[in-house]
Amino acid sequence: MRKWCLIGMVLFVATAAMGQHSHYGQHMNRTILALSEQEMQGLLNGEGMGMALVAELSNYPGPRHVLDLADSLQLTENQQRQIQRLFDEMHREAVKTGKQIVEKERQLQQLLQQGNPDKNTVEQLLTEIGHLRGLLRWIHIRAHLRTRPLLSAHQIHRYNQLRGYHHAAEHPH
């Protein structure tokens, strides 16, 4: 019995000691410490990264995915042209805003790494980053909102089926 108590105690102490180490050490080599390389590339490339997920799952198809499914959705040439225009506008704005986010994160990192940062400047940068992230999300959601009226109810239903949104497909708006 004592032997098992001793083994249990050793395991407990070893587990507790392991919990003291941070998993952030693996982030030390990032270009921008607050952004993974994947997130940074997504921001710079204007990718959605799930920012419009609430729209996507609420029966507001995304222009990129609609264009990818153009044949299956039987889009007309006019629909394709209008949705491509929406996508191009969204993409341009998303790339521009993504670059601004990356630059503000770079400025924040430099400020903190210089030591003894001015608290007001840190607060200002964080506010700007938050605003830009909200704007980026709006850019993506707005594109979904603008895409939906260009599609028929049948195309939206088919889109939801093709994307695997069975619940949403049963309750189109």
Foldseek 3Di string as FASTA:
>chain_A
DVVVVVVVVVVVVVVVVVVVDDPLVVQPPPPQSVDDPVRLVCQQQLHPPCLQVVLCLQLQDFLVLCLVCCVVLVDDPVLVVVSVVLVVVLRVLSNVLSVVLVVLSVVLVVQVVVPDHDPVVNVVSVVVNVVSSVVNSCSRNVSSVVSNVSGDLVSSLSSCVVVVSVVCSVPDD
